[in-house]
Amino acid sequence: MKKPWLKIKNYLLYDAPLVMYFYNKGYADPADPYIAATYAMIAAHSLGLGCCMIGSIVPFLKSMKKLKAKYNIPAESKDGIFLVFGYPEYKFQKAVKRTFAEVNYT
């Protein structure tokens, strides 16, 4: 039985070829990094890339100065979210056919 998790070297970011960190320095709305990450995710999907938002790392960043230094994350970053990119293993082929019950125009 194959165990793909044994091949992963970077457990925080899943060995992603590209990782982007959207953060807030405290001067803007706390939701701003999430909005920017959402637009980046839409752009990545339109290019055929797979991506995933990872928010579980950010609480660790507040106390781990070595991790911030390793990834060149500014010390004053407050709220944020990571977006990992990669090439999907499976190609999208068909969609689920959906029907609307009715459409009303006014």
PDB file of N, CA and C in Angstrom:
ATOM      1  N   MET A   1       0.837  -1.172   0.000  1.00  0.00           N
ATOM      2  CA  MET A   1       0.000   0.000   0.000  1.00  0.00           C
ATOM      3  C   MET A   1       0.891   1.247   0.000  1.00  0.00           C
ATOM      4  N   LYS A   2       0.615   2.161  -0.928  1.00  0.00           N
ATOM      5  CA  LYS A   2       1.395   3.378  -1.018  1.00  0.00           C
ATOM      6  C   LYS A   2       0.979   4.337   0.093  1.00  0.00           C
ATOM      7  N   LYS A   3       1.955   5.029   0.630  1.00  0.00           N
ATOM      8  CA  LYS A   3       1.696   6.023   1.661  1.00  0.00           C
ATOM      9  C   LYS A   3       2.243   7.360   1.164  1.00  0.00           C
ATOM     10  N   PRO A   4       1.396   8.151   0.465  1.00  0.00           N
ATOM     11  CA  PRO A   4       1.904   9.391  -0.135  1.00  0.00           C
ATOM     12  C   PRO A   4       2.360  10.413   0.896  1.00  0.00           C
ATOM     13  N   TRP A   5       1.864  10.354   2.112  1.00  0.00           N
ATOM     14  CA  TRP A   5       2.262  11.332   3.114  1.00  0.00           C
ATOM     15  C   TRP A   5       3.710  11.143   3.565  1.00  0.00           C
ATOM     16  N   LEU A   6       4.288   9.975   3.286  1.00  0.00           N
ATOM     17  CA  LEU A   6       5.686   9.752   3.634  1.00  0.00           C
ATOM     18  C   LEU A   6       6.633  10.480   2.683  1.00  0.00           C
ATOM     19  N   LYS A   7       6.157  10.824   1.486  1.00  0.00           N
ATOM     20  CA  LYS A   7       6.980  11.529   0.507  1.00  0.00           C
ATOM     21  C   LYS A   7       7.044  13.030   0.782  1.00  0.00           C
ATOM     22  N   ILE A   8       6.126  13.545   1.560  1.00  0.00           N
ATOM     23  CA  ILE A   8       6.067  14.976   1.821  1.00  0.00           C
ATOM     24  C   ILE A   8       7.192  15.378   2.770  1.00  0.00           C
ATOM     25  N   LYS A   9       7.971  16.370   2.366  1.00  0.00           N
ATOM     26  CA  LYS A   9       9.060  16.860   3.201  1.00  0.00           C
ATOM     27  C   LYS A   9       8.643  18.094   3.998  1.00  0.00           C
ATOM     28  N   ASN A  10       7.792  18.920   3.400  1.00  0.00           N
ATOM     29  CA  ASN A  10       7.328  20.136   4.048  1.00  0.00           C
ATOM     30  C   ASN A  10       5.865  19.927   4.452  1.00  0.00           C
ATOM     31  N   TYR A  11       5.640  19.597   5.702  1.00  0.00           N
ATOM     32  CA  TYR A  11       4.283  19.289   6.153  1.00  0.00           C
ATOM     33  C   TYR A  11       3.422  20.534   6.280  1.00  0.00           C
ATOM     34  N   LEU A  12       4.021  21.689   6.462  1.00  0.00           N
ATOM     35  CA  LEU A  12       3.231  22.908   6.582  1.00  0.00           C
ATOM     36  C   LEU A  12       2.614  23.322   5.258  1.00  0.00           C
ATOM     37  N   LEU A  13       3.381  23.217   4.175  1.00  0.00           N
ATOM     38  CA  LEU A  13       2.932  23.729   2.884  1.00  0.00           C
ATOM     39  C   LEU A  13       2.801  22.643   1.823  1.00  0.00           C
ATOM     40  N   TYR A  14       2.865  21.387   2.203  1.00  0.00           N
ATOM     41  CA  TYR A  14       2.599  20.241   1.329  1.00  0.00           C
ATOM     42  C   TYR A  14       3.502  20.182   0.102  1.00  0.00           C
ATOM     43  N   ASP A  15       4.735  20.641   0.196  1.00  0.00           N
ATOM     44  CA  ASP A  15       5.686  20.624  -0.914  1.00  0.00           C
ATOM     45  C   ASP A  15       5.146  21.309  -2.172  1.00  0.00           C
ATOM     46  N   ALA A  16       4.376  22.337  -1.990  1.00  0.00           N
ATOM     47  CA  ALA A  16       3.800  23.049  -3.129  1.00  0.00           C
ATOM     48  C   ALA A  16       4.894  23.788  -3.894  1.00  0.00           C
ATOM     49  N   PRO A  17       4.810  23.807  -5.232  1.00  0.00           N
ATOM     50  CA  PRO A  17       5.825  24.519  -6.003  1.00  0.00           C
ATOM     51  C   PRO A  17       5.748  26.036  -5.837  1.00  0.00           C
ATOM     52  N   LEU A  18       4.578  26.558  -5.475  1.00  0.00           N
ATOM     53  CA  LEU A  18       4.411  27.989  -5.253  1.00  0.00           C
ATOM     54  C   LEU A  18       3.497  28.205  -4.061  1.00  0.00           C
ATOM     55  N   VAL A  19       3.920  29.075  -3.163  1.00  0.00           N
ATOM     56  CA  VAL A  19       3.112  29.439  -1.999  1.00  0.00           C
ATOM     57  C   VAL A  19       3.082  30.952  -1.918  1.00  0.00           C
ATOM     58  N   MET A  20       1.891  31.502  -1.762  1.00  0.00           N
ATOM     59  CA  MET A  20       1.755  32.948  -1.584  1.00  0.00           C
ATOM     60  C   MET A  20       1.119  33.197  -0.223  1.00  0.00           C
ATOM     61  N   TYR A  21       1.625  34.209   0.475  1.00  0.00           N
ATOM     62  CA  TYR A  21       1.089  34.574   1.779  1.00  0.00           C
ATOM     63  C   TYR A  21       0.480  35.965   1.671  1.00  0.00           C
ATOM     64  N   PHE A  22      -0.808  36.049   1.885  1.00  0.00           N
ATOM     65  CA  PHE A  22      -1.528  37.314   1.873  1.00  0.00           C
ATOM     66  C   PHE A  22      -1.722  37.722   3.327  1.00  0.00           C
ATOM     67  N   TYR A  23      -1.242  38.912   3.677  1.00  0.00           N
ATOM     68  CA  TYR A  23      -1.285  39.313   5.078  1.00  0.00           C
ATOM     69  C   TYR A  23      -1.724  40.760   5.226  1.00  0.00           C
ATOM     70  N   ASN A  24      -1.996  41.114   6.458  1.00  0.00           N
ATOM     71  CA  ASN A  24      -2.459  42.432   6.821  1.00  0.00           C
ATOM     72  C   ASN A  24      -1.510  42.981   7.882  1.00  0.00           C
ATOM     73  N   LYS A  25      -1.074  44.213   7.722  1.00  0.00           N
ATOM     74  CA  LYS A  25      -0.178  44.818   8.711  1.00  0.00           C
ATOM     75  C   LYS A  25      -0.938  45.466   9.859  1.00  0.00           C
ATOM     76  N   GLY A  26      -2.235  45.496   9.817  1.00  0.00           N
ATOM     77  CA  GLY A  26      -3.017  46.072  10.892  1.00  0.00           C
ATOM     78  C   GLY A  26      -3.650  47.401  10.543  1.00  0.00           C
ATOM     79  N   TYR A  27      -3.304  47.969   9.389  1.00  0.00           N
ATOM     80  CA  TYR A  27      -3.858  49.263   8.999  1.00  0.00           C
ATOM     81  C   TYR A  27      -5.146  49.116   8.178  1.00  0.00           C
ATOM     82  N   ALA A  28      -5.406  47.967   7.667  1.00  0.00           N
ATOM     83  CA  ALA A  28      -6.558  47.750   6.793  1.00  0.00           C
ATOM     84  C   ALA A  28      -7.557  46.818   7.477  1.00  0.00           C
ATOM     85  N   ASP A  29      -8.605  46.519   6.780  1.00  0.00           N
ATOM     86  CA  ASP A  29      -9.630  45.618   7.301  1.00  0.00           C
ATOM     87  C   ASP A  29      -9.059  44.201   7.410  1.00  0.00           C
ATOM     88  N   PRO A  30      -9.415  43.459   8.453  1.00  0.00           N
ATOM     89  CA  PRO A  30      -8.882  42.088   8.597  1.00  0.00           C
ATOM     90  C   PRO A  30      -9.283  41.137   7.471  1.00  0.00           C
ATOM     91  N   ALA A  31     -10.334  41.461   6.734  1.00  0.00           N
ATOM     92  CA  ALA A  31     -10.779  40.583   5.647  1.00  0.00           C
ATOM     93  C   ALA A  31     -10.041  40.826   4.338  1.00  0.00           C
ATOM     94  N   ASP A  32      -9.261  41.872   4.242  1.00  0.00           N
ATOM     95  CA  ASP A  32      -8.576  42.198   2.986  1.00  0.00           C
ATOM     96  C   ASP A  32      -7.668  41.088   2.456  1.00  0.00           C
ATOM     97  N   PRO A  33      -6.873  40.406   3.289  1.00  0.00           N
ATOM     98  CA  PRO A  33      -6.049  39.317   2.743  1.00  0.00           C
ATOM     99  C   PRO A  33      -6.873  38.173   2.152  1.00  0.00           C
ATOM    100  N   TYR A  34      -8.030  37.916   2.732  1.00  0.00           N
ATOM    101  CA  TYR A  34      -8.875  36.827   2.240  1.00  0.00           C
ATOM    102  C   TYR A  34      -9.504  37.184   0.896  1.00  0.00           C
ATOM    103  N   ILE A  35      -9.841  38.442   0.721  1.00  0.00           N
ATOM    104  CA  ILE A  35     -10.407  38.889  -0.555  1.00  0.00           C
ATOM    105  C   ILE A  35      -9.353  38.787  -1.654  1.00  0.00           C
ATOM    106  N   ALA A  36      -8.147  39.251  -1.366  1.00  0.00           N
ATOM    107  CA  ALA A  36      -7.064  39.175  -2.360  1.00  0.00           C
ATOM    108  C   ALA A  36      -6.726  37.725  -2.690  1.00  0.00           C
ATOM    109  N   ALA A  37      -6.720  36.856  -1.679  1.00  0.00           N
ATOM    110  CA  ALA A  37      -6.433  35.435  -1.917  1.00  0.00           C
ATOM    111  C   ALA A  37      -7.526  34.781  -2.752  1.00  0.00           C
ATOM    112  N   THR A  38      -8.762  35.207  -2.559  1.00  0.00           N
ATOM    113  CA  THR A  38      -9.864  34.655  -3.357  1.00  0.00           C
ATOM    114  C   THR A  38      -9.698  35.016  -4.824  1.00  0.00           C
ATOM    115  N   TYR A  39      -9.337  36.257  -5.099  1.00  0.00           N
ATOM    116  CA  TYR A  39      -9.115  36.655  -6.497  1.00  0.00           C
ATOM    117  C   TYR A  39      -7.920  35.924  -7.105  1.00  0.00           C
ATOM    118  N   ALA A  40      -6.883  35.704  -6.322  1.00  0.00           N
ATOM    119  CA  ALA A  40      -5.731  34.946  -6.814  1.00  0.00           C
ATOM    120  C   ALA A  40      -6.115  33.498  -7.099  1.00  0.00           C
ATOM    121  N   MET A  41      -7.004  32.944  -6.280  1.00  0.00           N
ATOM    122  CA  MET A  41      -7.459  31.566  -6.487  1.00  0.00           C
ATOM    123  C   MET A  41      -8.279  31.459  -7.772  1.00  0.00           C
ATOM    124  N   ILE A  42      -9.135  32.431  -8.028  1.00  0.00           N
ATOM    125  CA  ILE A  42      -9.934  32.434  -9.260  1.00  0.00           C
ATOM    126  C   ILE A  42      -9.009  32.533 -10.480  1.00  0.00           C
ATOM    127  N   ALA A  43      -8.004  33.390 -10.400  1.00  0.00           N
ATOM    128  CA  ALA A  43      -7.053  33.534 -11.510  1.00  0.00           C
ATOM    129  C   ALA A  43      -6.277  32.242 -11.735  1.00  0.00           C
ATOM    130  N   ALA A  44      -5.885  31.576 -10.657  1.00  0.00           N
ATOM    131  CA  ALA A  44      -5.140  30.314 -10.791  1.00  0.00           C
ATOM    132  C   ALA A  44      -6.006  29.238 -11.438  1.00  0.00           C
ATOM    133  N   HIS A  45      -7.255  29.154 -11.039  1.00  0.00           N
ATOM    134  CA  HIS A  45      -8.145  28.153 -11.635  1.00  0.00           C
ATOM    135  C   HIS A  45      -8.392  28.445 -13.109  1.00  0.00           C
ATOM    136  N   SER A  46      -8.450  29.722 -13.475  1.00  0.00           N
ATOM    137  CA  SER A  46      -8.656  30.052 -14.888  1.00  0.00           C
ATOM    138  C   SER A  46      -7.442  29.683 -15.730  1.00  0.00           C
ATOM    139  N   LEU A  47      -6.253  29.595 -15.104  1.00  0.00           N
ATOM    140  CA  LEU A  47      -5.044  29.176 -15.819  1.00  0.00           C
ATOM    141  C   LEU A  47      -4.835  27.668 -15.792  1.00  0.00           C
ATOM    142  N   GLY A  48      -5.727  26.946 -15.130  1.00  0.00           N
ATOM    143  CA  GLY A  48      -5.612  25.495 -15.073  1.00  0.00           C
ATOM    144  C   GLY A  48      -4.775  24.990 -13.909  1.00  0.00           C
ATOM    145  N   LEU A  49      -4.441  25.852 -12.966  1.00  0.00           N
ATOM    146  CA  LEU A  49      -3.679  25.442 -11.794  1.00  0.00           C
ATOM    147  C   LEU A  49      -4.610  25.029 -10.669  1.00  0.00           C
ATOM    148  N   GLY A  50      -4.132  24.166  -9.823  1.00  0.00           N
ATOM    149  CA  GLY A  50      -4.876  23.823  -8.631  1.00  0.00           C
ATOM    150  C   GLY A  50      -4.352  24.648  -7.471  1.00  0.00           C
ATOM    151  N   CYS A  51      -5.236  25.044  -6.582  1.00  0.00           N
ATOM    152  CA  CYS A  51      -4.785  25.824  -5.426  1.00  0.00           C
ATOM    153  C   CYS A  51      -5.698  25.567  -4.238  1.00  0.00           C
ATOM    154  N   CYS A  52      -5.171  25.899  -3.069  1.00  0.00           N
ATOM    155  CA  CYS A  52      -5.895  25.654  -1.835  1.00  0.00           C
ATOM    156  C   CYS A  52      -5.489  26.701  -0.816  1.00  0.00           C
ATOM    157  N   MET A  53      -6.466  27.220  -0.086  1.00  0.00           N
ATOM    158  CA  MET A  53      -6.181  28.165   0.992  1.00  0.00           C
ATOM    159  C   MET A  53      -5.855  27.393   2.260  1.00  0.00           C
ATOM    160  N   ILE A  54      -4.792  27.824   2.937  1.00  0.00           N
ATOM    161  CA  ILE A  54      -4.400  27.181   4.187  1.00  0.00           C
ATOM    162  C   ILE A  54      -4.303  28.272   5.254  1.00  0.00           C
ATOM    163  N   GLY A  55      -5.187  28.224   6.202  1.00  0.00           N
ATOM    164  CA  GLY A  55      -5.198  29.225   7.261  1.00  0.00           C
ATOM    165  C   GLY A  55      -4.699  28.717   8.587  1.00  0.00           C
ATOM    166  N   SER A  56      -4.379  27.441   8.654  1.00  0.00           N
ATOM    167  CA  SER A  56      -3.989  26.855   9.942  1.00  0.00           C
ATOM    168  C   SER A  56      -2.561  27.193  10.348  1.00  0.00           C
ATOM    169  N   ILE A  57      -1.753  27.748   9.454  1.00  0.00           N
ATOM    170  CA  ILE A  57      -0.361  28.060   9.765  1.00  0.00           C
ATOM    171  C   ILE A  57      -0.240  29.409  10.460  1.00  0.00           C
ATOM    172  N   VAL A  58      -1.146  30.318  10.148  1.00  0.00           N
ATOM    173  CA  VAL A  58      -1.038  31.691  10.623  1.00  0.00           C
ATOM    174  C   VAL A  58      -0.975  31.807  12.147  1.00  0.00           C
ATOM    175  N   PRO A  59      -1.751  31.065  12.931  1.00  0.00           N
ATOM    176  CA  PRO A  59      -1.601  31.174  14.388  1.00  0.00           C
ATOM    177  C   PRO A  59      -0.204  30.797  14.885  1.00  0.00           C
ATOM    178  N   PHE A  60       0.469  29.884  14.200  1.00  0.00           N
ATOM    179  CA  PHE A  60       1.827  29.510  14.581  1.00  0.00           C
ATOM    180  C   PHE A  60       2.826  30.626  14.275  1.00  0.00           C
ATOM    181  N   LEU A  61       2.545  31.405  13.224  1.00  0.00           N
ATOM    182  CA  LEU A  61       3.469  32.460  12.820  1.00  0.00           C
ATOM    183  C   LEU A  61       3.607  33.549  13.879  1.00  0.00           C
ATOM    184  N   LYS A  62       2.564  33.756  14.668  1.00  0.00           N
ATOM    185  CA  LYS A  62       2.605  34.825  15.662  1.00  0.00           C
ATOM    186  C   LYS A  62       3.673  34.585  16.717  1.00  0.00           C
ATOM    187  N   SER A  63       3.984  33.328  16.991  1.00  0.00           N
ATOM    188  CA  SER A  63       4.955  33.030  18.045  1.00  0.00           C
ATOM    189  C   SER A  63       6.282  32.469  17.515  1.00  0.00           C
ATOM    190  N   MET A  64       6.358  32.145  16.251  1.00  0.00           N
ATOM    191  CA  MET A  64       7.575  31.515  15.719  1.00  0.00           C
ATOM    192  C   MET A  64       8.363  32.492  14.846  1.00  0.00           C
ATOM    193  N   LYS A  65       9.331  33.143  15.438  1.00  0.00           N
ATOM    194  CA  LYS A  65      10.135  34.116  14.710  1.00  0.00           C
ATOM    195  C   LYS A  65      11.073  33.442  13.711  1.00  0.00           C
ATOM    196  N   LYS A  66      11.518  32.237  14.008  1.00  0.00           N
ATOM    197  CA  LYS A  66      12.410  31.516  13.090  1.00  0.00           C
ATOM    198  C   LYS A  66      11.684  31.155  11.796  1.00  0.00           C
ATOM    199  N   LEU A  67      10.413  30.774  11.920  1.00  0.00           N
ATOM    200  CA  LEU A  67       9.627  30.423  10.741  1.00  0.00           C
ATOM    201  C   LEU A  67       9.386  31.654   9.876  1.00  0.00           C
ATOM    202  N   LYS A  68       9.125  32.793  10.516  1.00  0.00           N
ATOM    203  CA  LYS A  68       8.953  34.034   9.762  1.00  0.00           C
ATOM    204  C   LYS A  68      10.253  34.410   9.047  1.00  0.00           C
ATOM    205  N   ALA A  69      11.358  34.226   9.717  1.00  0.00           N
ATOM    206  CA  ALA A  69      12.643  34.556   9.106  1.00  0.00           C
ATOM    207  C   ALA A  69      12.962  33.618   7.946  1.00  0.00           C
ATOM    208  N   LYS A  70      12.606  32.345   8.076  1.00  0.00           N
ATOM    209  CA  LYS A  70      12.883  31.369   7.021  1.00  0.00           C
ATOM    210  C   LYS A  70      12.155  31.712   5.727  1.00  0.00           C
ATOM    211  N   TYR A  71      10.895  32.154   5.846  1.00  0.00           N
ATOM    212  CA  TYR A  71      10.085  32.456   4.668  1.00  0.00           C
ATOM    213  C   TYR A  71      10.012  33.948   4.354  1.00  0.00           C
ATOM    214  N   ASN A  72      10.856  34.755   5.000  1.00  0.00           N
ATOM    215  CA  ASN A  72      10.912  36.203   4.761  1.00  0.00           C
ATOM    216  C   ASN A  72       9.562  36.879   4.942  1.00  0.00           C
ATOM    217  N   ILE A  73       8.858  36.541   5.983  1.00  0.00           N
ATOM    218  CA  ILE A  73       7.566  37.142   6.302  1.00  0.00           C
ATOM    219  C   ILE A  73       7.822  38.325   7.224  1.00  0.00           C
ATOM    220  N   PRO A  74       7.269  39.492   6.918  1.00  0.00           N
ATOM    221  CA  PRO A  74       7.496  40.652   7.774  1.00  0.00           C
ATOM    222  C   PRO A  74       7.015  40.412   9.212  1.00  0.00           C
ATOM    223  N   ALA A  75       7.747  40.954  10.159  1.00  0.00           N
ATOM    224  CA  ALA A  75       7.435  40.732  11.576  1.00  0.00           C
ATOM    225  C   ALA A  75       6.124  41.381  11.973  1.00  0.00           C
ATOM    226  N   GLU A  76       5.724  42.459  11.289  1.00  0.00           N
ATOM    227  CA  GLU A  76       4.506  43.168  11.682  1.00  0.00           C
ATOM    228  C   GLU A  76       3.231  42.603  11.062  1.00  0.00           C
ATOM    229  N   SER A  77       3.312  41.506  10.312  1.00  0.00           N
ATOM    230  CA  SER A  77       2.112  40.920   9.709  1.00  0.00           C
ATOM    231  C   SER A  77       1.198  40.365  10.791  1.00  0.00           C
ATOM    232  N   LYS A  78      -0.085  40.673  10.678  1.00  0.00           N
ATOM    233  CA  LYS A  78      -1.050  40.262  11.712  1.00  0.00           C
ATOM    234  C   LYS A  78      -1.910  39.099  11.211  1.00  0.00           C
ATOM    235  N   ASP A  79      -2.946  39.427  10.471  1.00  0.00           N
ATOM    236  CA  ASP A  79      -3.843  38.405   9.938  1.00  0.00           C
ATOM    237  C   ASP A  79      -3.393  38.033   8.538  1.00  0.00           C
ATOM    238  N   GLY A  80      -3.637  36.789   8.161  1.00  0.00           N
ATOM    239  CA  GLY A  80      -3.259  36.396   6.818  1.00  0.00           C
ATOM    240  C   GLY A  80      -3.691  34.987   6.488  1.00  0.00           C
ATOM    241  N   ILE A  81      -3.418  34.615   5.246  1.00  0.00           N
ATOM    242  CA  ILE A  81      -3.764  33.276   4.772  1.00  0.00           C
ATOM    243  C   ILE A  81      -2.755  32.867   3.714  1.00  0.00           C
ATOM    244  N   PHE A  82      -2.423  31.598   3.700  1.00  0.00           N
ATOM    245  CA  PHE A  82      -1.517  31.043   2.698  1.00  0.00           C
ATOM    246  C   PHE A  82      -2.338  30.467   1.555  1.00  0.00           C
ATOM    247  N   LEU A  83      -1.817  30.607   0.366  1.00  0.00           N
ATOM    248  CA  LEU A  83      -2.437  30.022  -0.816  1.00  0.00           C
ATOM    249  C   LEU A  83      -1.367  29.184  -1.502  1.00  0.00           C
ATOM    250  N   VAL A  84      -1.586  27.870  -1.578  1.00  0.00           N
ATOM    251  CA  VAL A  84      -0.623  26.980  -2.221  1.00  0.00           C
ATOM    252  C   VAL A  84      -1.112  26.645  -3.623  1.00  0.00           C
ATOM    253  N   PHE A  85      -0.189  26.630  -4.557  1.00  0.00           N
ATOM    254  CA  PHE A  85      -0.500  26.363  -5.958  1.00  0.00           C
ATOM    255  C   PHE A  85       0.208  25.098  -6.399  1.00  0.00           C
ATOM    256  N   GLY A  86      -0.362  24.439  -7.392  1.00  0.00           N
ATOM    257  CA  GLY A  86       0.262  23.262  -7.963  1.00  0.00           C
ATOM    258  C   GLY A  86      -0.478  22.832  -9.209  1.00  0.00           C
ATOM    259  N   TYR A  87       0.046  21.817  -9.832  1.00  0.00           N
ATOM    260  CA  TYR A  87      -0.603  21.253 -11.007  1.00  0.00           C
ATOM    261  C   TYR A  87      -1.510  20.121 -10.557  1.00  0.00           C
ATOM    262  N   PRO A  88      -2.782  20.135 -10.977  1.00  0.00           N
ATOM    263  CA  PRO A  88      -3.684  19.072 -10.533  1.00  0.00           C
ATOM    264  C   PRO A  88      -3.288  17.714 -11.111  1.00  0.00           C
ATOM    265  N   GLU A  89      -3.484  16.694 -10.322  1.00  0.00           N
ATOM    266  CA  GLU A  89      -3.142  15.339 -10.761  1.00  0.00           C
ATOM    267  C   GLU A  89      -4.129  14.830 -11.809  1.00  0.00           C
ATOM    268  N   TYR A  90      -5.393  15.200 -11.665  1.00  0.00           N
ATOM    269  CA  TYR A  90      -6.432  14.734 -12.575  1.00  0.00           C
ATOM    270  C   TYR A  90      -6.954  15.905 -13.389  1.00  0.00           C
ATOM    271  N   LYS A  91      -7.197  15.652 -14.657  1.00  0.00           N
ATOM    272  CA  LYS A  91      -7.739  16.677 -15.541  1.00  0.00           C
ATOM    273  C   LYS A  91      -9.255  16.697 -15.432  1.00  0.00           C
ATOM    274  N   PHE A  92      -9.791  17.903 -15.421  1.00  0.00           N
ATOM    275  CA  PHE A  92     -11.238  18.080 -15.385  1.00  0.00           C
ATOM    276  C   PHE A  92     -11.818  17.722 -16.745  1.00  0.00           C
ATOM    277  N   GLN A  93     -12.826  16.836 -16.764  1.00  0.00           N
ATOM    278  CA  GLN A  93     -13.362  16.384 -18.046  1.00  0.00           C
ATOM    279  C   GLN A  93     -14.838  16.721 -18.236  1.00  0.00           C
ATOM    280  N   LYS A  94     -15.654  16.414 -17.269  1.00  0.00           N
ATOM    281  CA  LYS A  94     -17.085  16.646 -17.414  1.00  0.00           C
ATOM    282  C   LYS A  94     -17.636  17.311 -16.161  1.00  0.00           C
ATOM    283  N   ALA A  95     -18.691  18.037 -16.346  1.00  0.00           N
ATOM    284  CA  ALA A  95     -19.344  18.685 -15.214  1.00  0.00           C
ATOM    285  C   ALA A  95     -20.686  18.010 -14.952  1.00  0.00           C
ATOM    286  N   VAL A  96     -21.209  18.236 -13.806  1.00  0.00           N
ATOM    287  CA  VAL A  96     -22.528  17.721 -13.466  1.00  0.00           C
ATOM    288  C   VAL A  96     -23.553  18.570 -14.197  1.00  0.00           C
ATOM    289  N   LYS A  97     -24.459  17.936 -14.902  1.00  0.00           N
ATOM    290  CA  LYS A  97     -25.487  18.676 -15.615  1.00  0.00           C
ATOM    291  C   LYS A  97     -26.546  19.116 -14.611  1.00  0.00           C
ATOM    292  N   ARG A  98     -26.806  20.401 -14.617  1.00  0.00           N
ATOM    293  CA  ARG A  98     -27.780  20.959 -13.682  1.00  0.00           C
ATOM    294  C   ARG A  98     -28.939  21.546 -14.458  1.00  0.00           C
ATOM    295  N   THR A  99     -30.102  21.442 -13.897  1.00  0.00           N
ATOM    296  CA  THR A  99     -31.288  22.039 -14.505  1.00  0.00           C
ATOM    297  C   THR A  99     -31.922  22.979 -13.500  1.00  0.00           C
ATOM    298  N   PHE A 100     -32.467  24.047 -14.009  1.00  0.00           N
ATOM    299  CA  PHE A 100     -33.161  24.995 -13.153  1.00  0.00           C
ATOM    300  C   PHE A 100     -34.644  24.659 -13.140  1.00  0.00           C
ATOM    301  N   ALA A 101     -35.269  24.818 -12.007  1.00  0.00           N
ATOM    302  CA  ALA A 101     -36.691  24.544 -11.919  1.00  0.00           C
ATOM    303  C   ALA A 101     -37.468  25.516 -12.778  1.00  0.00           C
ATOM    304  N   GLU A 102     -37.093  26.786 -12.707  1.00  0.00           N
ATOM    305  CA  GLU A 102     -37.710  27.789 -13.558  1.00  0.00           C
ATOM    306  C   GLU A 102     -36.859  29.046 -13.551  1.00  0.00           C
ATOM    307  N   VAL A 103     -37.014  29.810 -14.593  1.00  0.00           N
ATOM    308  CA  VAL A 103     -36.296  31.070 -14.677  1.00  0.00           C
ATOM    309  C   VAL A 103     -37.329  32.158 -14.919  1.00  0.00           C
ATOM    310  N   ASN A 104     -37.321  33.176 -14.079  1.00  0.00           N
ATOM    311  CA  ASN A 104     -38.293  34.272 -14.209  1.00  0.00           C
ATOM    312  C   ASN A 104     -37.562  35.550 -14.606  1.00  0.00           C
ATOM    313  N   TYR A 105     -38.068  36.201 -15.631  1.00  0.00           N
ATOM    314  CA  TYR A 105     -37.524  37.496 -16.053  1.00  0.00           C
ATOM    315  C   TYR A 105     -38.579  38.548 -15.774  1.00  0.00           C
ATOM    316  N   THR A 106     -38.173  39.643 -15.172  1.00  0.00           N
ATOM    317  CA  THR A 106     -39.125  40.731 -14.915  1.00  0.00           C
ATOM    318  C   THR A 106     -38.671  41.992 -15.577  1.00  0.00           C
TER     319      THR A 106
END
